[in-house]
Amino acid sequence: MKIGAKIQKMRQFKGIKQESIAHNLGLSQAAYSKIERSETEMDADKLNQIAKALGCEPSEILNIDENHLIVNTFNNHSESNTNFIQNQYQSDKNLIYYEDLLEYYKKEINLLKEEINLLKEEINRLKS
């Protein structure tokens, strides 16, 4: 997936219009549209500016792939004039990674608890 398409997905995920991002970047909407169509060269500085305008990190944009599911649901409640936004952004690959990371940290915590207990026993032994 090209960087322009990734930027477009993130913008859509955030529910931001092209005009708003273009304004924040000091570009016309047409010039910004070329970025999303990958018709404009992208460098690190431009990606940083776009990420800032989108309220995210450049890595979040770069990590978007075809396996990501992005859903924006807007429900307007006329009584309260409140917009409720439900966002779902999930990748099976990321889910597996975070589950593995969680398992690693659980093991690490248990090892640290054992080490603390051993140190407490050593302190008590030295006090005696």
N, C-alpha and C. Protein backbone atom coordinates (compact mmCIF):
# COMPACT_ATOMS: atom_id res chain seq x y z
N MET A 1 0.85 -1.18 0.00
CA MET A 1 0.00 0.00 0.00
C MET A 1 0.89 1.24 0.00
N LYS A 2 0.58 2.19 -0.88
CA LYS A 2 1.37 3.41 -0.98
C LYS A 2 1.09 4.32 0.20
N ILE A 3 2.07 5.17 0.50
CA ILE A 3 1.98 6.07 1.65
C ILE A 3 0.76 6.99 1.54
N GLY A 4 0.43 7.43 0.34
CA GLY A 4 -0.73 8.31 0.16
C GLY A 4 -2.02 7.64 0.60
N ALA A 5 -2.17 6.36 0.25
CA ALA A 5 -3.37 5.62 0.65
C ALA A 5 -3.41 5.42 2.16
N LYS A 6 -2.24 5.25 2.78
CA LYS A 6 -2.17 5.10 4.23
C LYS A 6 -2.59 6.40 4.91
N ILE A 7 -2.12 7.51 4.37
CA ILE A 7 -2.49 8.82 4.91
C ILE A 7 -4.00 9.02 4.78
N GLN A 8 -4.55 8.65 3.63
CA GLN A 8 -5.98 8.79 3.41
C GLN A 8 -6.77 7.95 4.41
N LYS A 9 -6.34 6.71 4.65
CA LYS A 9 -7.03 5.84 5.60
C LYS A 9 -7.01 6.45 7.00
N MET A 10 -5.86 6.98 7.41
CA MET A 10 -5.75 7.58 8.74
C MET A 10 -6.66 8.81 8.83
N ARG A 11 -6.68 9.62 7.79
CA ARG A 11 -7.53 10.82 7.80
C ARG A 11 -9.00 10.41 7.91
N GLN A 12 -9.38 9.41 7.15
CA GLN A 12 -10.77 8.94 7.19
C GLN A 12 -11.08 8.34 8.56
N PHE A 13 -10.13 7.59 9.11
CA PHE A 13 -10.30 7.01 10.45
C PHE A 13 -10.54 8.09 11.48
N LYS A 14 -9.81 9.19 11.35
CA LYS A 14 -9.94 10.30 12.29
C LYS A 14 -11.18 11.15 12.01
N GLY A 15 -11.81 10.94 10.86
CA GLY A 15 -13.00 11.71 10.52
C GLY A 15 -12.70 13.15 10.16
N ILE A 16 -11.54 13.38 9.54
CA ILE A 16 -11.11 14.74 9.19
C ILE A 16 -11.25 14.92 7.68
N LYS A 17 -11.70 16.10 7.27
CA LYS A 17 -11.85 16.40 5.84
C LYS A 17 -10.50 16.81 5.24
N GLN A 18 -10.35 16.54 3.95
CA GLN A 18 -9.13 16.94 3.25
C GLN A 18 -8.86 18.43 3.38
N GLU A 19 -9.90 19.23 3.30
CA GLU A 19 -9.75 20.68 3.37
C GLU A 19 -9.11 21.12 4.67
N SER A 20 -9.48 20.45 5.76
CA SER A 20 -8.94 20.80 7.07
C SER A 20 -7.45 20.49 7.15
N ILE A 21 -7.06 19.32 6.68
CA ILE A 21 -5.63 18.95 6.70
C ILE A 21 -4.85 19.88 5.78
N ALA A 22 -5.40 20.13 4.59
CA ALA A 22 -4.74 21.02 3.63
C ALA A 22 -4.51 22.40 4.26
N HIS A 23 -5.52 22.92 4.94
CA HIS A 23 -5.40 24.23 5.59
C HIS A 23 -4.29 24.21 6.65
N ASN A 24 -4.26 23.14 7.48
CA ASN A 24 -3.24 23.03 8.53
C ASN A 24 -1.83 22.95 7.94
N LEU A 25 -1.73 22.38 6.73
CA LEU A 25 -0.42 22.24 6.09
C LEU A 25 -0.06 23.45 5.22
N GLY A 26 -1.01 24.39 5.07
CA GLY A 26 -0.77 25.55 4.21
C GLY A 26 -0.81 25.20 2.74
N LEU A 27 -1.63 24.20 2.39
CA LEU A 27 -1.75 23.74 1.01
C LEU A 27 -3.18 23.94 0.53
N SER A 28 -3.34 23.93 -0.78
CA SER A 28 -4.70 23.90 -1.32
C SER A 28 -5.22 22.47 -1.17
N GLN A 29 -6.55 22.34 -1.26
CA GLN A 29 -7.14 21.01 -1.16
C GLN A 29 -6.66 20.15 -2.32
N ALA A 30 -6.49 20.74 -3.50
CA ALA A 30 -6.03 19.99 -4.67
C ALA A 30 -4.60 19.48 -4.46
N ALA A 31 -3.74 20.31 -3.87
CA ALA A 31 -2.37 19.89 -3.62
C ALA A 31 -2.32 18.76 -2.59
N TYR A 32 -3.16 18.88 -1.55
CA TYR A 32 -3.20 17.83 -0.55
C TYR A 32 -3.75 16.54 -1.14
N SER A 33 -4.74 16.65 -2.01
CA SER A 33 -5.33 15.48 -2.66
C SER A 33 -4.28 14.70 -3.44
N LYS A 34 -3.33 15.40 -4.03
CA LYS A 34 -2.23 14.74 -4.76
C LYS A 34 -1.37 13.91 -3.81
N ILE A 35 -1.23 14.37 -2.58
CA ILE A 35 -0.47 13.60 -1.58
C ILE A 35 -1.16 12.27 -1.33
N GLU A 36 -2.48 12.30 -1.13
CA GLU A 36 -3.22 11.07 -0.86
C GLU A 36 -3.26 10.14 -2.07
N ARG A 37 -3.11 10.70 -3.27
CA ARG A 37 -3.07 9.87 -4.47
C ARG A 37 -1.64 9.44 -4.81
N SER A 38 -0.69 9.77 -3.93
CA SER A 38 0.74 9.45 -4.11
C SER A 38 1.31 10.05 -5.39
N GLU A 39 0.82 11.24 -5.74
CA GLU A 39 1.33 11.94 -6.91
C GLU A 39 2.36 12.99 -6.52
N THR A 40 2.62 13.10 -5.23
CA THR A 40 3.59 14.05 -4.69
C THR A 40 4.66 13.29 -3.93
N GLU A 41 5.90 13.71 -4.08
CA GLU A 41 7.00 13.07 -3.35
C GLU A 41 6.80 13.27 -1.85
N MET A 42 7.07 12.22 -1.09
CA MET A 42 6.91 12.27 0.36
C MET A 42 8.28 12.13 1.01
N ASP A 43 8.62 13.08 1.88
CA ASP A 43 9.84 12.94 2.67
C ASP A 43 9.46 12.91 4.15
N ALA A 44 10.44 12.68 5.00
CA ALA A 44 10.18 12.53 6.44
C ALA A 44 9.56 13.79 7.03
N ASP A 45 10.03 14.96 6.61
CA ASP A 45 9.48 16.21 7.16
C ASP A 45 8.01 16.37 6.80
N LYS A 46 7.65 16.09 5.55
CA LYS A 46 6.26 16.21 5.12
C LYS A 46 5.39 15.19 5.87
N LEU A 47 5.90 13.96 6.04
CA LEU A 47 5.15 12.94 6.78
C LEU A 47 4.93 13.38 8.22
N ASN A 48 5.94 13.96 8.84
CA ASN A 48 5.81 14.46 10.21
C ASN A 48 4.75 15.55 10.30
N GLN A 49 4.73 16.47 9.33
CA GLN A 49 3.74 17.54 9.31
C GLN A 49 2.33 16.98 9.16
N ILE A 50 2.18 16.02 8.27
CA ILE A 50 0.87 15.41 8.04
C ILE A 50 0.41 14.66 9.29
N ALA A 51 1.32 13.89 9.89
CA ALA A 51 0.98 13.15 11.11
C ALA A 51 0.54 14.11 12.21
N LYS A 52 1.25 15.21 12.36
CA LYS A 52 0.88 16.21 13.37
C LYS A 52 -0.51 16.77 13.09
N ALA A 53 -0.78 17.06 11.82
CA ALA A 53 -2.10 17.59 11.44
C ALA A 53 -3.20 16.55 11.70
N LEU A 54 -2.85 15.27 11.60
CA LEU A 54 -3.81 14.20 11.85
C LEU A 54 -3.88 13.82 13.33
N GLY A 55 -2.99 14.39 14.13
CA GLY A 55 -2.99 14.08 15.56
C GLY A 55 -2.51 12.67 15.87
N CYS A 56 -1.50 12.22 15.13
CA CYS A 56 -0.96 10.89 15.36
C CYS A 56 0.55 10.91 15.13
N GLU A 57 1.17 9.78 15.31
CA GLU A 57 2.60 9.63 15.06
C GLU A 57 2.81 9.13 13.63
N PRO A 58 3.92 9.51 13.00
CA PRO A 58 4.20 9.00 11.65
C PRO A 58 4.18 7.47 11.59
N SER A 59 4.65 6.83 12.65
CA SER A 59 4.68 5.37 12.65
C SER A 59 3.28 4.77 12.57
N GLU A 60 2.28 5.47 13.12
CA GLU A 60 0.91 4.97 13.04
C GLU A 60 0.44 4.95 11.59
N ILE A 61 0.84 5.95 10.83
CA ILE A 61 0.49 6.00 9.41
C ILE A 61 1.23 4.90 8.66
N LEU A 62 2.52 4.79 8.91
CA LEU A 62 3.34 3.81 8.19
C LEU A 62 2.93 2.38 8.48
N ASN A 63 2.36 2.12 9.66
CA ASN A 63 2.00 0.76 10.04
C ASN A 63 0.64 0.31 9.51
N ILE A 64 -0.10 1.20 8.86
CA ILE A 64 -1.38 0.81 8.29
C ILE A 64 -1.11 -0.10 7.10
N ASP A 65 -1.85 -1.21 7.03
CA ASP A 65 -1.76 -2.09 5.86
C ASP A 65 -3.14 -2.59 5.49
N GLU A 66 -3.20 -3.42 4.48
CA GLU A 66 -4.49 -3.90 3.99
C GLU A 66 -5.25 -4.71 5.02
N ASN A 67 -4.59 -5.22 6.04
CA ASN A 67 -5.24 -6.05 7.04
C ASN A 67 -5.92 -5.24 8.13
N HIS A 68 -5.69 -3.93 8.15
CA HIS A 68 -6.31 -3.09 9.17
C HIS A 68 -7.76 -2.82 8.81
N LEU A 69 -8.57 -2.86 9.83
CA LEU A 69 -9.98 -2.55 9.66
C LEU A 69 -10.23 -1.21 10.30
N ILE A 70 -10.71 -0.28 9.53
CA ILE A 70 -10.99 1.05 10.05
C ILE A 70 -12.47 1.33 9.86
N VAL A 71 -13.14 1.59 10.96
CA VAL A 71 -14.57 1.86 10.90
C VAL A 71 -14.86 3.13 11.68
N ASN A 72 -15.54 4.05 11.07
CA ASN A 72 -16.03 5.25 11.77
C ASN A 72 -17.54 5.21 11.70
N THR A 73 -18.18 5.27 12.82
CA THR A 73 -19.63 5.33 12.84
C THR A 73 -20.03 6.59 13.57
N PHE A 74 -20.79 7.42 12.93
CA PHE A 74 -21.25 8.65 13.55
C PHE A 74 -22.76 8.52 13.78
N ASN A 75 -23.17 8.71 14.99
CA ASN A 75 -24.59 8.73 15.32
C ASN A 75 -24.92 10.11 15.85
N ASN A 76 -25.72 10.85 15.14
CA ASN A 76 -26.13 12.17 15.59
C ASN A 76 -27.41 12.04 16.39
N HIS A 77 -27.39 12.54 17.60
CA HIS A 77 -28.58 12.56 18.43
C HIS A 77 -29.06 14.00 18.47
N SER A 78 -30.18 14.26 17.81
CA SER A 78 -30.64 15.63 17.67
C SER A 78 -30.97 16.28 19.01
N GLU A 79 -31.37 15.49 20.00
CA GLU A 79 -31.73 16.07 21.30
C GLU A 79 -30.53 16.69 21.98
N SER A 80 -29.39 16.01 21.94
CA SER A 80 -28.22 16.52 22.66
C SER A 80 -27.19 17.13 21.73
N ASN A 81 -27.41 17.02 20.42
CA ASN A 81 -26.45 17.51 19.44
C ASN A 81 -25.05 17.00 19.71
N THR A 82 -24.98 15.77 20.18
CA THR A 82 -23.69 15.16 20.49
C THR A 82 -23.37 14.11 19.43
N ASN A 83 -22.17 14.13 18.98
CA ASN A 83 -21.72 13.10 18.04
C ASN A 83 -21.04 11.99 18.83
N PHE A 84 -21.50 10.80 18.60
CA PHE A 84 -20.86 9.65 19.20
C PHE A 84 -20.03 8.97 18.13
N ILE A 85 -18.80 8.77 18.43
CA ILE A 85 -17.90 8.18 17.46
C ILE A 85 -17.42 6.84 18.00
N GLN A 86 -17.65 5.84 17.22
CA GLN A 86 -17.15 4.52 17.59
C GLN A 86 -16.06 4.18 16.59
N ASN A 87 -14.86 4.01 17.08
CA ASN A 87 -13.73 3.70 16.21
C ASN A 87 -13.21 2.30 16.50
N GLN A 88 -13.01 1.59 15.46
CA GLN A 88 -12.39 0.28 15.61
C GLN A 88 -11.22 0.22 14.65
N TYR A 89 -10.08 -0.09 15.20
CA TYR A 89 -8.86 -0.12 14.42
C TYR A 89 -8.09 -1.35 14.88
N GLN A 90 -8.17 -2.42 14.13
CA GLN A 90 -7.58 -3.66 14.63
C GLN A 90 -6.90 -4.41 13.51
N SER A 91 -5.80 -5.01 13.84
CA SER A 91 -5.09 -5.86 12.91
C SER A 91 -4.82 -7.18 13.61
N ASP A 92 -5.11 -8.27 12.93
CA ASP A 92 -4.86 -9.58 13.53
C ASP A 92 -3.39 -9.73 13.88
N LYS A 93 -2.53 -9.21 13.03
CA LYS A 93 -1.10 -9.29 13.28
C LYS A 93 -0.73 -8.55 14.56
N ASN A 94 -1.29 -7.36 14.75
CA ASN A 94 -1.02 -6.58 15.96
C ASN A 94 -1.60 -7.25 17.19
N LEU A 95 -2.78 -7.84 17.05
CA LEU A 95 -3.41 -8.52 18.17
C LEU A 95 -2.53 -9.67 18.67
N ILE A 96 -2.03 -10.47 17.76
CA ILE A 96 -1.13 -11.57 18.13
C ILE A 96 0.13 -11.03 18.78
N TYR A 97 0.69 -9.96 18.21
CA TYR A 97 1.89 -9.36 18.77
C TYR A 97 1.65 -8.91 20.21
N TYR A 98 0.53 -8.22 20.46
CA TYR A 98 0.25 -7.71 21.80
C TYR A 98 -0.07 -8.83 22.78
N GLU A 99 -0.69 -9.89 22.31
CA GLU A 99 -0.93 -11.04 23.18
C GLU A 99 0.39 -11.68 23.58
N ASP A 100 1.30 -11.83 22.63
CA ASP A 100 2.63 -12.38 22.93
C ASP A 100 3.39 -11.47 23.88
N LEU A 101 3.30 -10.17 23.65
CA LEU A 101 3.97 -9.21 24.51
C LEU A 101 3.41 -9.26 25.93
N LEU A 102 2.10 -9.38 26.04
CA LEU A 102 1.46 -9.50 27.35
C LEU A 102 1.94 -10.75 28.08
N GLU A 103 2.02 -11.86 27.38
CA GLU A 103 2.50 -13.11 27.97
C GLU A 103 3.95 -12.96 28.44
N TYR A 104 4.78 -12.30 27.64
CA TYR A 104 6.17 -12.07 28.01
C TYR A 104 6.24 -11.25 29.30
N TYR A 105 5.44 -10.18 29.40
CA TYR A 105 5.47 -9.33 30.59
C TYR A 105 4.94 -10.06 31.82
N LYS A 106 3.97 -10.93 31.65
CA LYS A 106 3.48 -11.72 32.77
C LYS A 106 4.59 -12.61 33.32
N LYS A 107 5.35 -13.24 32.43
CA LYS A 107 6.47 -14.08 32.86
C LYS A 107 7.54 -13.23 33.54
N GLU A 108 7.81 -12.08 32.97
CA GLU A 108 8.81 -11.16 33.54
C GLU A 108 8.39 -10.71 34.94
N ILE A 109 7.14 -10.41 35.13
CA ILE A 109 6.62 -10.00 36.45
C ILE A 109 6.80 -11.13 37.46
N ASN A 110 6.47 -12.34 37.06
CA ASN A 110 6.63 -13.48 37.97
C ASN A 110 8.09 -13.69 38.35
N LEU A 111 9.00 -13.54 37.40
CA LEU A 111 10.43 -13.66 37.70
C LEU A 111 10.88 -12.57 38.67
N LEU A 112 10.39 -11.36 38.46
CA LEU A 112 10.75 -10.26 39.36
C LEU A 112 10.19 -10.47 40.76
N LYS A 113 8.97 -11.01 40.87
CA LYS A 113 8.39 -11.32 42.18
C LYS A 113 9.24 -12.36 42.90
N GLU A 114 9.68 -13.37 42.17
CA GLU A 114 10.55 -14.40 42.77
C GLU A 114 11.86 -13.79 43.25
N GLU A 115 12.41 -12.90 42.45
CA GLU A 115 13.67 -12.24 42.84
C GLU A 115 13.47 -11.37 44.07
N ILE A 116 12.36 -10.67 44.15
CA ILE A 116 12.06 -9.85 45.34
C ILE A 116 11.97 -10.73 46.57
N ASN A 117 11.28 -11.86 46.46
CA ASN A 117 11.16 -12.78 47.59
C ASN A 117 12.52 -13.31 48.03
N LEU A 118 13.37 -13.64 47.07
CA LEU A 118 14.71 -14.11 47.41
C LEU A 118 15.51 -13.01 48.11
N LEU A 119 15.38 -11.79 47.65
CA LEU A 119 16.09 -10.68 48.29
C LEU A 119 15.56 -10.42 49.70
N LYS A 120 14.26 -10.54 49.90
CA LYS A 120 13.69 -10.38 51.23
C LYS A 120 14.21 -11.46 52.17
N GLU A 121 14.29 -12.69 51.68
CA GLU A 121 14.82 -13.78 52.48
C GLU A 121 16.28 -13.53 52.84
N GLU A 122 17.03 -13.01 51.89
CA GLU A 122 18.45 -12.71 52.14
C GLU A 122 18.59 -11.60 53.18
N ILE A 123 17.75 -10.59 53.11
CA ILE A 123 17.77 -9.49 54.09
C ILE A 123 17.43 -10.02 55.47
N ASN A 124 16.41 -10.84 55.57
CA ASN A 124 16.02 -11.43 56.85
C ASN A 124 17.12 -12.31 57.40
N ARG A 125 17.80 -13.05 56.53
CA ARG A 125 18.90 -13.90 56.96
C ARG A 125 20.05 -13.06 57.50
N LEU A 126 20.34 -11.94 56.85
CA LEU A 126 21.43 -11.08 57.29
C LEU A 126 21.09 -10.35 58.60
N LYS A 127 19.84 -10.07 58.83
CA LYS A 127 19.40 -9.42 60.06
C LYS A 127 19.54 -10.36 61.26
N SER A 128 19.43 -11.64 61.01
CA SER A 128 19.45 -12.62 62.11
C SER A 128 20.82 -12.83 62.66
